[in-house]
Amino acid sequence: MMNEDSDSKSSILIADDNLENLKVLSTALIGFGYEVRIATNGRKALESAFIKAPDLILLDIHMPELDGYETCREFKKDLRTRDIPIIFVSALDEPFNKVKAFRQGAIDYLTKPIEMEEVRARVEVHLLLRQKIKELEDFNRIMVEREMRMIELKNEVNALSRELGRHEPYPEARMEVS
């Protein structure tokens, strides 16, 4: 999936302290056409994402320094990273762990051993969802700006009508525009 803002590849940050897991996941995702960055612990993942936000994060639970849950919480607290989709990838398959991951802000949870086509499908879906959310946010912002401009124009018409001694054609537009 490509970013809508440019012709660059979508970027994925993988955080896992197991080098073999990093190698397998990164090789597959690069093969699927994604730009991949890796981090071997939660602290490095945060640093990497704060320097340049990825489009999606794959996060292991058991890592040194900050575990995946703490790392996810930190991502969700920060304005720069709070909207980045996070998928947990873990060998822990008990419902308790999955629920805890979702409560920390994850959007999905994959259990190891992972199937690469499943990873690909989930990554594609969540990147597409993120892209559509951004499009809706942009559309909403544009609509609000247009509505504010309409109010400004109606206020100008009302002011001109008052100067001419006529009634205001848009009395509902008397809202103050900042």
Foldseek 3Di string as FASTA:
>chain_A
DAAPVDRAFAEEEEEALDVVVVVVQVVLVVVVPHHYHYHNALVVSVVVCVVPNGQAYEAEQDGPPHGRLRSLLVQCVDPSRNLRAYEYEYQDDDPVVVVSSVVSPHPYYHHPPDDSVVVVVVVVVSSVVSNVVVVVVVVVVVVVVVVLVVLVVLVVQQVVCVVVVHHRPCPVSPDDRD
